[in-house]
């Protein structure tokens, strides 16, 4: 059961497309039901990139003794997928590394 007093977990997904454009998407998920776990979250963003995508996934961990000074931590072993918008066809899937980093290679050239 979820702890109603636990603060939500803030996350950020940073991504770099194949043109070198760096962007990010952020949000929150409710506090996890077990310590040190995150509930599933889906972050969706659209970009025009026919061959690769890379970035990093992080979350803010609050210290109950210092609630005004949360620390940013990497999200390791999170599933990352590149999905064609018009398909929807999965172009590539991978997982973040221990530092929250990911890189997906795929071929979407000539696809709409």
PDB file of N, CA and C in Angstrom:
ATOM      1  N   UNK A   1       0.839  -1.184   0.000  1.00  0.00           N
ATOM      2  CA  UNK A   1       0.000   0.000   0.000  1.00  0.00           C
ATOM      3  C   UNK A   1       0.883   1.247   0.000  1.00  0.00           C
ATOM      4  N   UNK A   2       0.453   2.221  -0.734  1.00  0.00           N
ATOM      5  CA  UNK A   2       1.220   3.455  -0.869  1.00  0.00           C
ATOM      6  C   UNK A   2       1.145   4.288   0.407  1.00  0.00           C
ATOM      7  N   UNK A   3       2.273   4.872   0.775  1.00  0.00           N
ATOM      8  CA  UNK A   3       2.331   5.728   1.956  1.00  0.00           C
ATOM      9  C   UNK A   3       1.781   7.103   1.582  1.00  0.00           C
ATOM     10  N   UNK A   4       0.633   7.530   2.140  1.00  0.00           N
ATOM     11  CA  UNK A   4       0.048   8.814   1.756  1.00  0.00           C
ATOM     12  C   UNK A   4       0.892  10.012   2.172  1.00  0.00           C
ATOM     13  N   UNK A   5       1.820   9.830   3.101  1.00  0.00           N
ATOM     14  CA  UNK A   5       2.666  10.939   3.549  1.00  0.00           C
ATOM     15  C   UNK A   5       3.967  11.041   2.761  1.00  0.00           C
ATOM     16  N   UNK A   6       4.298  10.006   1.996  1.00  0.00           N
ATOM     17  CA  UNK A   6       5.551  10.022   1.225  1.00  0.00           C
ATOM     18  C   UNK A   6       5.412  11.001   0.060  1.00  0.00           C
ATOM     19  N   UNK A   7       6.442  11.804  -0.192  1.00  0.00           N
ATOM     20  CA  UNK A   7       6.366  12.759  -1.303  1.00  0.00           C
ATOM     21  C   UNK A   7       6.465  12.029  -2.640  1.00  0.00           C
ATOM     22  N   UNK A   8       5.886  12.595  -3.691  1.00  0.00           N
ATOM     23  CA  UNK A   8       6.032  11.976  -5.006  1.00  0.00           C
ATOM     24  C   UNK A   8       7.489  12.028  -5.453  1.00  0.00           C
ATOM     25  N   UNK A   9       7.833  11.167  -6.391  1.00  0.00           N
ATOM     26  CA  UNK A   9       9.203  11.097  -6.902  1.00  0.00           C
ATOM     27  C   UNK A   9       9.264  11.878  -8.208  1.00  0.00           C
ATOM     28  N   UNK A  10      10.154  12.846  -8.291  1.00  0.00           N
ATOM     29  CA  UNK A  10      10.341  13.637  -9.499  1.00  0.00           C
ATOM     30  C   UNK A  10      11.391  12.982 -10.373  1.00  0.00           C
ATOM     31  N   UNK A  11      11.150  12.926 -11.689  1.00  0.00           N
ATOM     32  CA  UNK A  11      12.114  12.337 -12.612  1.00  0.00           C
ATOM     33  C   UNK A  11      12.342  13.270 -13.793  1.00  0.00           C
ATOM     34  N   UNK A  12      13.466  13.076 -14.451  1.00  0.00           N
ATOM     35  CA  UNK A  12      13.792  13.804 -15.672  1.00  0.00           C
ATOM     36  C   UNK A  12      14.380  12.833 -16.674  1.00  0.00           C
ATOM     37  N   UNK A  13      13.886  12.881 -17.899  1.00  0.00           N
ATOM     38  CA  UNK A  13      14.460  12.121 -18.996  1.00  0.00           C
ATOM     39  C   UNK A  13      15.095  13.134 -19.934  1.00  0.00           C
ATOM     40  N   UNK A  14      16.396  13.055 -20.081  1.00  0.00           N
ATOM     41  CA  UNK A  14      17.132  13.949 -20.979  1.00  0.00           C
ATOM     42  C   UNK A  14      17.456  13.154 -22.230  1.00  0.00           C
ATOM     43  N   UNK A  15      17.302  13.778 -23.391  1.00  0.00           N
ATOM     44  CA  UNK A  15      17.593  13.075 -24.627  1.00  0.00           C
ATOM     45  C   UNK A  15      18.270  13.989 -25.631  1.00  0.00           C
ATOM     46  N   UNK A  16      19.105  13.375 -26.446  1.00  0.00           N
ATOM     47  CA  UNK A  16      19.795  14.055 -27.530  1.00  0.00           C
ATOM     48  C   UNK A  16      19.410  13.351 -28.816  1.00  0.00           C
ATOM     49  N   UNK A  17      18.859  14.086 -29.782  1.00  0.00           N
ATOM     50  CA  UNK A  17      18.493  13.436 -31.029  1.00  0.00           C
ATOM     51  C   UNK A  17      19.673  13.437 -31.994  1.00  0.00           C
ATOM     52  N   UNK A  18      19.463  12.849 -33.172  1.00  0.00           N
ATOM     53  CA  UNK A  18      20.580  12.677 -34.099  1.00  0.00           C
ATOM     54  C   UNK A  18      21.035  13.986 -34.740  1.00  0.00           C
ATOM     55  N   UNK A  19      20.309  15.081 -34.544  1.00  0.00           N
ATOM     56  CA  UNK A  19      20.779  16.393 -34.987  1.00  0.00           C
ATOM     57  C   UNK A  19      21.542  17.121 -33.878  1.00  0.00           C
ATOM     58  N   UNK A  20      21.714  16.461 -32.730  1.00  0.00           N
ATOM     59  CA  UNK A  20      22.445  17.052 -31.618  1.00  0.00           C
ATOM     60  C   UNK A  20      21.593  17.937 -30.720  1.00  0.00           C
ATOM     61  N   UNK A  21      20.295  17.959 -30.930  1.00  0.00           N
ATOM     62  CA  UNK A  21      19.393  18.776 -30.126  1.00  0.00           C
ATOM     63  C   UNK A  21      19.143  18.090 -28.786  1.00  0.00           C
ATOM     64  N   UNK A  22      19.421  18.784 -27.680  1.00  0.00           N
ATOM     65  CA  UNK A  22      19.241  18.233 -26.339  1.00  0.00           C
ATOM     66  C   UNK A  22      17.957  18.805 -25.744  1.00  0.00           C
ATOM     67  N   UNK A  23      17.103  17.917 -25.257  1.00  0.00           N
ATOM     68  CA  UNK A  23      15.856  18.324 -24.627  1.00  0.00           C
ATOM     69  C   UNK A  23      15.627  17.459 -23.405  1.00  0.00           C
ATOM     70  N   UNK A  24      14.588  17.782 -22.646  1.00  0.00           N
ATOM     71  CA  UNK A  24      14.258  16.944 -21.502  1.00  0.00           C
ATOM     72  C   UNK A  24      12.754  16.958 -21.265  1.00  0.00           C
ATOM     73  N   UNK A  25      12.299  15.904 -20.628  1.00  0.00           N
ATOM     74  CA  UNK A  25      10.905  15.785 -20.216  1.00  0.00           C
ATOM     75  C   UNK A  25      10.928  15.436 -18.735  1.00  0.00           C
ATOM     76  N   UNK A  26      10.070  16.052 -17.954  1.00  0.00           N
ATOM     77  CA  UNK A  26      10.056  15.821 -16.511  1.00  0.00           C
ATOM     78  C   UNK A  26       8.641  15.528 -16.044  1.00  0.00           C
ATOM     79  N   UNK A  27       8.547  14.933 -14.876  1.00  0.00           N
ATOM     80  CA  UNK A  27       7.249  14.652 -14.283  1.00  0.00           C
ATOM     81  C   UNK A  27       7.414  14.057 -12.908  1.00  0.00           C
ATOM     82  N   UNK A  28       6.339  13.528 -12.374  1.00  0.00           N
ATOM     83  CA  UNK A  28       6.388  12.886 -11.071  1.00  0.00           C
ATOM     84  C   UNK A  28       5.594  11.590 -11.116  1.00  0.00           C
ATOM     85  N   UNK A  29       5.959  10.668 -10.253  1.00  0.00           N
ATOM     86  CA  UNK A  29       5.191   9.448 -10.023  1.00  0.00           C
ATOM     87  C   UNK A  29       4.931   9.384  -8.518  1.00  0.00           C
ATOM     88  N   UNK A  30       3.846   8.728  -8.105  1.00  0.00           N
ATOM     89  CA  UNK A  30       3.588   8.606  -6.666  1.00  0.00           C
ATOM     90  C   UNK A  30       4.730   7.878  -5.962  1.00  0.00           C
ATOM     91  N   UNK A  31       4.829   8.054  -4.683  1.00  0.00           N
ATOM     92  CA  UNK A  31       5.855   7.350  -3.903  1.00  0.00           C
ATOM     93  C   UNK A  31       5.675   5.845  -4.077  1.00  0.00           C
ATOM     94  N   UNK A  32       6.763   5.120  -4.095  1.00  0.00           N
ATOM     95  CA  UNK A  32       6.722   3.680  -4.308  1.00  0.00           C
ATOM     96  C   UNK A  32       6.161   2.954  -3.094  1.00  0.00           C
ATOM     97  N   UNK A  33       5.648   1.765  -3.348  1.00  0.00           N
ATOM     98  CA  UNK A  33       5.092   0.976  -2.261  1.00  0.00           C
ATOM     99  C   UNK A  33       6.183   0.232  -1.495  1.00  0.00           C
ATOM    100  N   UNK A  34       7.334   0.028  -2.111  1.00  0.00           N
ATOM    101  CA  UNK A  34       8.467  -0.618  -1.454  1.00  0.00           C
ATOM    102  C   UNK A  34       9.629   0.373  -1.424  1.00  0.00           C
ATOM    103  N   UNK A  35      10.471   0.314  -0.424  1.00  0.00           N
ATOM    104  CA  UNK A  35      11.621   1.226  -0.388  1.00  0.00           C
ATOM    105  C   UNK A  35      12.532   1.013  -1.601  1.00  0.00           C
ATOM    106  N   UNK A  36      13.066   2.099  -2.096  1.00  0.00           N
ATOM    107  CA  UNK A  36      14.051   2.089  -3.186  1.00  0.00           C
ATOM    108  C   UNK A  36      13.525   1.515  -4.489  1.00  0.00           C
ATOM    109  N   UNK A  37      12.235   1.621  -4.748  1.00  0.00           N
ATOM    110  CA  UNK A  37      11.702   1.206  -6.039  1.00  0.00           C
ATOM    111  C   UNK A  37      10.852   2.323  -6.607  1.00  0.00           C
ATOM    112  N   UNK A  38      10.768   2.368  -7.919  1.00  0.00           N
ATOM    113  CA  UNK A  38       9.930   3.344  -8.602  1.00  0.00           C
ATOM    114  C   UNK A  38       8.748   2.627  -9.222  1.00  0.00           C
ATOM    115  N   UNK A  39       7.608   3.273  -9.219  1.00  0.00           N
ATOM    116  CA  UNK A  39       6.467   2.725  -9.924  1.00  0.00           C
ATOM    117  C   UNK A  39       6.699   2.915 -11.423  1.00  0.00           C
ATOM    118  N   UNK A  40       6.088   2.079 -12.255  1.00  0.00           N
ATOM    119  CA  UNK A  40       6.265   2.245 -13.704  1.00  0.00           C
ATOM    120  C   UNK A  40       5.817   3.626 -14.152  1.00  0.00           C
ATOM    121  N   UNK A  41       6.579   4.222 -15.023  1.00  0.00           N
ATOM    122  CA  UNK A  41       6.235   5.526 -15.584  1.00  0.00           C
ATOM    123  C   UNK A  41       6.540   5.495 -17.073  1.00  0.00           C
ATOM    124  N   UNK A  42       5.718   6.133 -17.844  1.00  0.00           N
ATOM    125  CA  UNK A  42       5.943   6.236 -19.277  1.00  0.00           C
ATOM    126  C   UNK A  42       6.117   7.707 -19.598  1.00  0.00           C
ATOM    127  N   UNK A  43       7.205   8.025 -20.262  1.00  0.00           N
ATOM    128  CA  UNK A  43       7.464   9.383 -20.708  1.00  0.00           C
ATOM    129  C   UNK A  43       7.444   9.339 -22.226  1.00  0.00           C
ATOM    130  N   UNK A  44       6.590  10.135 -22.833  1.00  0.00           N
ATOM    131  CA  UNK A  44       6.461  10.130 -24.282  1.00  0.00           C
ATOM    132  C   UNK A  44       6.876  11.483 -24.833  1.00  0.00           C
ATOM    133  N   UNK A  45       7.688  11.479 -25.863  1.00  0.00           N
ATOM    134  CA  UNK A  45       8.032  12.695 -26.570  1.00  0.00           C
ATOM    135  C   UNK A  45       8.233  12.354 -28.030  1.00  0.00           C
ATOM    136  N   UNK A  46       8.009  13.315 -28.888  1.00  0.00           N
ATOM    137  CA  UNK A  46       8.110  13.110 -30.325  1.00  0.00           C
ATOM    138  C   UNK A  46       9.279  13.908 -30.863  1.00  0.00           C
ATOM    139  N   UNK A  47      10.080  13.269 -31.682  1.00  0.00           N
ATOM    140  CA  UNK A  47      11.170  13.957 -32.344  1.00  0.00           C
ATOM    141  C   UNK A  47      11.403  13.311 -33.688  1.00  0.00           C
ATOM    142  N   UNK A  48      12.008  14.058 -34.585  1.00  0.00           N
ATOM    143  CA  UNK A  48      12.314  13.536 -35.906  1.00  0.00           C
ATOM    144  C   UNK A  48      13.769  13.105 -35.926  1.00  0.00           C
ATOM    145  N   UNK A  49      13.966  11.819 -35.818  1.00  0.00           N
ATOM    146  CA  UNK A  49      15.311  11.276 -35.756  1.00  0.00           C
ATOM    147  C   UNK A  49      15.305   9.905 -36.421  1.00  0.00           C
ATOM    148  N   UNK A  50      15.931   9.764 -37.579  1.00  0.00           N
ATOM    149  CA  UNK A  50      15.840   8.491 -38.283  1.00  0.00           C
ATOM    150  C   UNK A  50      16.830   7.414 -37.855  1.00  0.00           C
ATOM    151  N   UNK A  51      17.845   7.720 -37.064  1.00  0.00           N
ATOM    152  CA  UNK A  51      18.865   6.702 -36.820  1.00  0.00           C
ATOM    153  C   UNK A  51      19.310   6.460 -35.386  1.00  0.00           C
ATOM    154  N   UNK A  52      19.220   7.397 -34.472  1.00  0.00           N
ATOM    155  CA  UNK A  52      19.662   7.118 -33.101  1.00  0.00           C
ATOM    156  C   UNK A  52      19.090   8.119 -32.101  1.00  0.00           C
ATOM    157  N   UNK A  53      19.165   7.731 -30.855  1.00  0.00           N
ATOM    158  CA  UNK A  53      18.669   8.530 -29.744  1.00  0.00           C
ATOM    159  C   UNK A  53      19.491   8.170 -28.525  1.00  0.00           C
ATOM    160  N   UNK A  54      19.877   9.152 -27.730  1.00  0.00           N
ATOM    161  CA  UNK A  54      20.625   8.863 -26.510  1.00  0.00           C
ATOM    162  C   UNK A  54      20.216   9.847 -25.426  1.00  0.00           C
ATOM    163  N   UNK A  55      20.577   9.536 -24.188  1.00  0.00           N
ATOM    164  CA  UNK A  55      20.246  10.442 -23.103  1.00  0.00           C
ATOM    165  C   UNK A  55      20.509   9.843 -21.740  1.00  0.00           C
ATOM    166  N   UNK A  56      19.818  10.371 -20.738  1.00  0.00           N
ATOM    167  CA  UNK A  56      20.018   9.955 -19.357  1.00  0.00           C
ATOM    168  C   UNK A  56      18.709  10.108 -18.601  1.00  0.00           C
ATOM    169  N   UNK A  57      18.440   9.178 -17.670  1.00  0.00           N
ATOM    170  CA  UNK A  57      17.236   9.223 -16.844  1.00  0.00           C
ATOM    171  C   UNK A  57      17.669   9.369 -15.386  1.00  0.00           C
ATOM    172  N   UNK A  58      17.105  10.358 -14.697  1.00  0.00           N
ATOM    173  CA  UNK A  58      17.449  10.605 -13.293  1.00  0.00           C
ATOM    174  C   UNK A  58      16.173  10.836 -12.480  1.00  0.00           C
ATOM    175  N   UNK A  59      16.309  10.755 -11.170  1.00  0.00           N
ATOM    176  CA  UNK A  59      15.223  11.109 -10.271  1.00  0.00           C
ATOM    177  C   UNK A  59      15.790  11.853  -9.081  1.00  0.00           C
ATOM    178  N   UNK A  60      14.924  12.599  -8.409  1.00  0.00           N
ATOM    179  CA  UNK A  60      15.336  13.343  -7.216  1.00  0.00           C
ATOM    180  C   UNK A  60      14.980  12.537  -5.985  1.00  0.00           C
ATOM    181  N   UNK A  61      15.976  12.281  -5.156  1.00  0.00           N
ATOM    182  CA  UNK A  61      15.778  11.549  -3.910  1.00  0.00           C
ATOM    183  C   UNK A  61      15.819  12.546  -2.770  1.00  0.00           C
ATOM    184  N   UNK A  62      14.744  12.584  -2.012  1.00  0.00           N
ATOM    185  CA  UNK A  62      14.671  13.517  -0.884  1.00  0.00           C
ATOM    186  C   UNK A  62      15.233  12.881   0.372  1.00  0.00           C
ATOM    187  N   UNK A  63      15.963  13.666   1.115  1.00  0.00           N
ATOM    188  CA  UNK A  63      16.513  13.252   2.401  1.00  0.00           C
ATOM    189  C   UNK A  63      15.578  13.795   3.484  1.00  0.00           C
ATOM    190  N   UNK A  64      14.940  12.913   4.284  1.00  0.00           N
ATOM    191  CA  UNK A  64      14.023  13.403   5.307  1.00  0.00           C
ATOM    192  C   UNK A  64      14.666  14.382   6.281  1.00  0.00           C
ATOM    193  N   UNK A  65      15.989  14.285   6.467  1.00  0.00           N
ATOM    194  CA  UNK A  65      16.674  15.200   7.376  1.00  0.00           C
ATOM    195  C   UNK A  65      16.964  16.552   6.721  1.00  0.00           C
ATOM    196  N   UNK A  66      16.981  16.576   5.372  1.00  0.00           N
ATOM    197  CA  UNK A  66      17.218  17.811   4.621  1.00  0.00           C
ATOM    198  C   UNK A  66      16.193  17.899   3.485  1.00  0.00           C
ATOM    199  N   UNK A  67      14.925  18.117   3.789  1.00  0.00           N
ATOM    200  CA  UNK A  67      13.892  18.098   2.749  1.00  0.00           C
ATOM    201  C   UNK A  67      14.050  19.171   1.678  1.00  0.00           C
ATOM    202  N   UNK A  68      14.812  20.205   1.952  1.00  0.00           N
ATOM    203  CA  UNK A  68      14.999  21.258   0.951  1.00  0.00           C
ATOM    204  C   UNK A  68      16.215  20.994   0.060  1.00  0.00           C
ATOM    205  N   UNK A  69      16.917  19.898   0.280  1.00  0.00           N
ATOM    206  CA  UNK A  69      18.119  19.588  -0.505  1.00  0.00           C
ATOM    207  C   UNK A  69      18.047  18.178  -1.109  1.00  0.00           C
ATOM    208  N   UNK A  70      17.119  17.944  -2.061  1.00  0.00           N
ATOM    209  CA  UNK A  70      17.077  16.609  -2.666  1.00  0.00           C
ATOM    210  C   UNK A  70      18.303  16.380  -3.543  1.00  0.00           C
ATOM    211  N   UNK A  71      18.719  15.141  -3.658  1.00  0.00           N
ATOM    212  CA  UNK A  71      19.848  14.823  -4.518  1.00  0.00           C
ATOM    213  C   UNK A  71      19.344  14.116  -5.776  1.00  0.00           C
ATOM    214  N   UNK A  72      20.029  14.331  -6.879  1.00  0.00           N
ATOM    215  CA  UNK A  72      19.662  13.715  -8.143  1.00  0.00           C
ATOM    216  C   UNK A  72      20.412  12.407  -8.291  1.00  0.00           C
ATOM    217  N   UNK A  73      19.677  11.347  -8.584  1.00  0.00           N
ATOM    218  CA  UNK A  73      20.242  10.002  -8.707  1.00  0.00           C
ATOM    219  C   UNK A  73      19.912   9.435 -10.083  1.00  0.00           C
ATOM    220  N   UNK A  74      20.781   8.578 -10.631  1.00  0.00           N
ATOM    221  CA  UNK A  74      20.479   7.943 -11.921  1.00  0.00           C
ATOM    222  C   UNK A  74      19.442   6.832 -11.760  1.00  0.00           C
ATOM    223  N   UNK A  75      18.691   6.586 -12.817  1.00  0.00           N
ATOM    224  CA  UNK A  75      17.749   5.465 -12.845  1.00  0.00           C
ATOM    225  C   UNK A  75      18.392   4.377 -13.696  1.00  0.00           C
ATOM    226  N   UNK A  76      18.879   3.342 -13.049  1.00  0.00           N
ATOM    227  CA  UNK A  76      19.506   2.230 -13.752  1.00  0.00           C
ATOM    228  C   UNK A  76      18.503   1.145 -14.085  1.00  0.00           C
ATOM    229  N   UNK A  77      18.771   0.421 -15.145  1.00  0.00           N
ATOM    230  CA  UNK A  77      17.963  -0.725 -15.586  1.00  0.00           C
ATOM    231  C   UNK A  77      16.524  -0.355 -15.960  1.00  0.00           C
ATOM    232  N   UNK A  78      16.312   0.874 -16.419  1.00  0.00           N
ATOM    233  CA  UNK A  78      14.986   1.283 -16.891  1.00  0.00           C
ATOM    234  C   UNK A  78      14.869   0.954 -18.371  1.00  0.00           C
ATOM    235  N   UNK A  79      13.732   0.436 -18.787  1.00  0.00           N
ATOM    236  CA  UNK A  79      13.513   0.101 -20.193  1.00  0.00           C
ATOM    237  C   UNK A  79      13.276   1.375 -20.985  1.00  0.00           C
ATOM    238  N   UNK A  80      13.974   1.503 -22.115  1.00  0.00           N
ATOM    239  CA  UNK A  80      13.851   2.641 -23.018  1.00  0.00           C
ATOM    240  C   UNK A  80      13.484   2.079 -24.389  1.00  0.00           C
ATOM    241  N   UNK A  81      12.487   2.652 -25.035  1.00  0.00           N
ATOM    242  CA  UNK A  81      12.081   2.200 -26.368  1.00  0.00           C
ATOM    243  C   UNK A  81      11.919   3.383 -27.301  1.00  0.00           C
ATOM    244  N   UNK A  82      12.289   3.193 -28.559  1.00  0.00           N
ATOM    245  CA  UNK A  82      12.003   4.152 -29.629  1.00  0.00           C
ATOM    246  C   UNK A  82      10.867   3.538 -30.433  1.00  0.00           C
ATOM    247  N   UNK A  83       9.743   4.248 -30.513  1.00  0.00           N
ATOM    248  CA  UNK A  83       8.565   3.724 -31.185  1.00  0.00           C
ATOM    249  C   UNK A  83       8.144   4.702 -32.271  1.00  0.00           C
ATOM    250  N   UNK A  84       7.939   4.182 -33.463  1.00  0.00           N
ATOM    251  CA  UNK A  84       7.501   4.991 -34.592  1.00  0.00           C
ATOM    252  C   UNK A  84       6.083   5.490 -34.331  1.00  0.00           C
ATOM    253  N   UNK A  85       5.861   6.771 -34.483  1.00  0.00           N
ATOM    254  CA  UNK A  85       4.565   7.369 -34.170  1.00  0.00           C
ATOM    255  C   UNK A  85       3.469   6.843 -35.090  1.00  0.00           C
ATOM    256  N   UNK A  86       3.745   6.743 -36.375  1.00  0.00           N
ATOM    257  CA  UNK A  86       2.706   6.354 -37.324  1.00  0.00           C
ATOM    258  C   UNK A  86       2.468   4.860 -37.382  1.00  0.00           C
ATOM    259  N   UNK A  87       3.313   4.052 -36.774  1.00  0.00           N
ATOM    260  CA  UNK A  87       3.212   2.591 -36.832  1.00  0.00           C
ATOM    261  C   UNK A  87       2.058   2.025 -36.045  1.00  0.00           C
ATOM    262  N   UNK A  88       2.023   2.027 -34.765  1.00  0.00           N
ATOM    263  CA  UNK A  88       3.250   2.257 -33.993  1.00  0.00           C
ATOM    264  C   UNK A  88       4.142   1.022 -34.044  1.00  0.00           C
ATOM    265  N   UNK A  89       5.336   1.211 -34.510  1.00  0.00           N
ATOM    266  CA  UNK A  89       6.304   0.133 -34.673  1.00  0.00           C
ATOM    267  C   UNK A  89       7.466   0.394 -33.725  1.00  0.00           C
ATOM    268  N   UNK A  90       7.863  -0.620 -32.959  1.00  0.00           N
ATOM    269  CA  UNK A  90       9.009  -0.470 -32.070  1.00  0.00           C
ATOM    270  C   UNK A  90      10.278  -0.544 -32.909  1.00  0.00           C
ATOM    271  N   UNK A  91      11.053   0.527 -32.881  1.00  0.00           N
ATOM    272  CA  UNK A  91      12.278   0.605 -33.678  1.00  0.00           C
ATOM    273  C   UNK A  91      13.483   0.053 -32.935  1.00  0.00           C
ATOM    274  N   UNK A  92      13.528   0.253 -31.629  1.00  0.00           N
ATOM    275  CA  UNK A  92      14.648  -0.234 -30.809  1.00  0.00           C
ATOM    276  C   UNK A  92      14.247  -0.211 -29.345  1.00  0.00           C
ATOM    277  N   UNK A  93      14.843  -1.118 -28.588  1.00  0.00           N
ATOM    278  CA  UNK A  93      14.614  -1.181 -27.144  1.00  0.00           C
ATOM    279  C   UNK A  93      15.941  -1.430 -26.453  1.00  0.00           C
ATOM    280  N   UNK A  94      16.121  -0.822 -25.310  1.00  0.00           N
ATOM    281  CA  UNK A  94      17.322  -1.034 -24.507  1.00  0.00           C
ATOM    282  C   UNK A  94      17.027  -0.692 -23.062  1.00  0.00           C
ATOM    283  N   UNK A  95      18.067  -0.678 -22.267  1.00  0.00           N
ATOM    284  CA  UNK A  95      17.932  -0.368 -20.851  1.00  0.00           C
ATOM    285  C   UNK A  95      18.985   0.659 -20.466  1.00  0.00           C
ATOM    286  N   UNK A  96      18.668   1.467 -19.463  1.00  0.00           N
ATOM    287  CA  UNK A  96      19.653   2.412 -18.974  1.00  0.00           C
ATOM    288  C   UNK A  96      20.760   1.655 -18.254  1.00  0.00           C
ATOM    289  N   UNK A  97      21.952   2.232 -18.277  1.00  0.00           N
ATOM    290  CA  UNK A  97      23.067   1.629 -17.542  1.00  0.00           C
ATOM    291  C   UNK A  97      23.010   2.090 -16.082  1.00  0.00           C
ATOM    292  N   UNK A  98      24.003   1.717 -15.308  1.00  0.00           N
ATOM    293  CA  UNK A  98      24.029   2.061 -13.881  1.00  0.00           C
ATOM    294  C   UNK A  98      24.030   3.569 -13.641  1.00  0.00           C
ATOM    295  N   UNK A  99      24.491   4.350 -14.617  1.00  0.00           N
ATOM    296  CA  UNK A  99      24.523   5.806 -14.493  1.00  0.00           C
ATOM    297  C   UNK A  99      23.292   6.477 -15.084  1.00  0.00           C
ATOM    298  N   UNK A 100      22.304   5.675 -15.518  1.00  0.00           N
ATOM    299  CA  UNK A 100      21.081   6.217 -16.103  1.00  0.00           C
ATOM    300  C   UNK A 100      21.196   6.528 -17.584  1.00  0.00           C
ATOM    301  N   UNK A 101      22.353   6.272 -18.176  1.00  0.00           N
ATOM    302  CA  UNK A 101      22.562   6.584 -19.588  1.00  0.00           C
ATOM    303  C   UNK A 101      21.975   5.528 -20.511  1.00  0.00           C
ATOM    304  N   UNK A 102      21.595   5.969 -21.708  1.00  0.00           N
ATOM    305  CA  UNK A 102      21.098   5.033 -22.713  1.00  0.00           C
ATOM    306  C   UNK A 102      21.442   5.540 -24.104  1.00  0.00           C
ATOM    307  N   UNK A 103      21.478   4.614 -25.051  1.00  0.00           N
ATOM    308  CA  UNK A 103      21.693   4.942 -26.447  1.00  0.00           C
ATOM    309  C   UNK A 103      20.991   3.876 -27.283  1.00  0.00           C
ATOM    310  N   UNK A 104      20.158   4.317 -28.216  1.00  0.00           N
ATOM    311  CA  UNK A 104      19.447   3.397 -29.095  1.00  0.00           C
ATOM    312  C   UNK A 104      19.820   3.682 -30.535  1.00  0.00           C
ATOM    313  N   UNK A 105      20.144   2.650 -31.283  1.00  0.00           N
ATOM    314  CA  UNK A 105      20.427   2.760 -32.708  1.00  0.00           C
ATOM    315  C   UNK A 105      19.303   2.064 -33.467  1.00  0.00           C
ATOM    316  N   UNK A 106      18.817   2.695 -34.532  1.00  0.00           N
ATOM    317  CA  UNK A 106      17.744   2.105 -35.326  1.00  0.00           C
ATOM    318  C   UNK A 106      17.771   2.750 -36.711  1.00  0.00           C
ATOM    319  N   UNK A 107      16.986   2.201 -37.623  1.00  0.00           N
ATOM    320  CA  UNK A 107      16.892   2.759 -38.975  1.00  0.00           C
ATOM    321  C   UNK A 107      15.436   3.078 -39.276  1.00  0.00           C
ATOM    322  N   UNK A 108      15.120   4.350 -39.299  1.00  0.00           N
ATOM    323  CA  UNK A 108      13.772   4.818 -39.595  1.00  0.00           C
ATOM    324  C   UNK A 108      13.787   5.722 -40.830  1.00  0.00           C
ATOM    325  N   UNK A 109      14.845   5.629 -41.632  1.00  0.00           N
ATOM    326  CA  UNK A 109      14.937   6.449 -42.832  1.00  0.00           C
ATOM    327  C   UNK A 109      13.933   5.965 -43.869  1.00  0.00           C
ATOM    328  N   UNK A 110      13.248   6.901 -44.469  1.00  0.00           N
ATOM    329  CA  UNK A 110      12.273   6.563 -45.488  1.00  0.00           C
ATOM    330  C   UNK A 110      10.938   6.137 -44.933  1.00  0.00           C
ATOM    331  N   UNK A 111      10.818   6.074 -43.604  1.00  0.00           N
ATOM    332  CA  UNK A 111       9.552   5.714 -42.966  1.00  0.00           C
ATOM    333  C   UNK A 111       8.795   6.993 -42.653  1.00  0.00           C
ATOM    334  N   UNK A 112       7.498   6.900 -42.584  1.00  0.00           N
ATOM    335  CA  UNK A 112       6.726   8.101 -42.229  1.00  0.00           C
ATOM    336  C   UNK A 112       6.213   7.982 -40.815  1.00  0.00           C
TER     337      UNK A 112
END
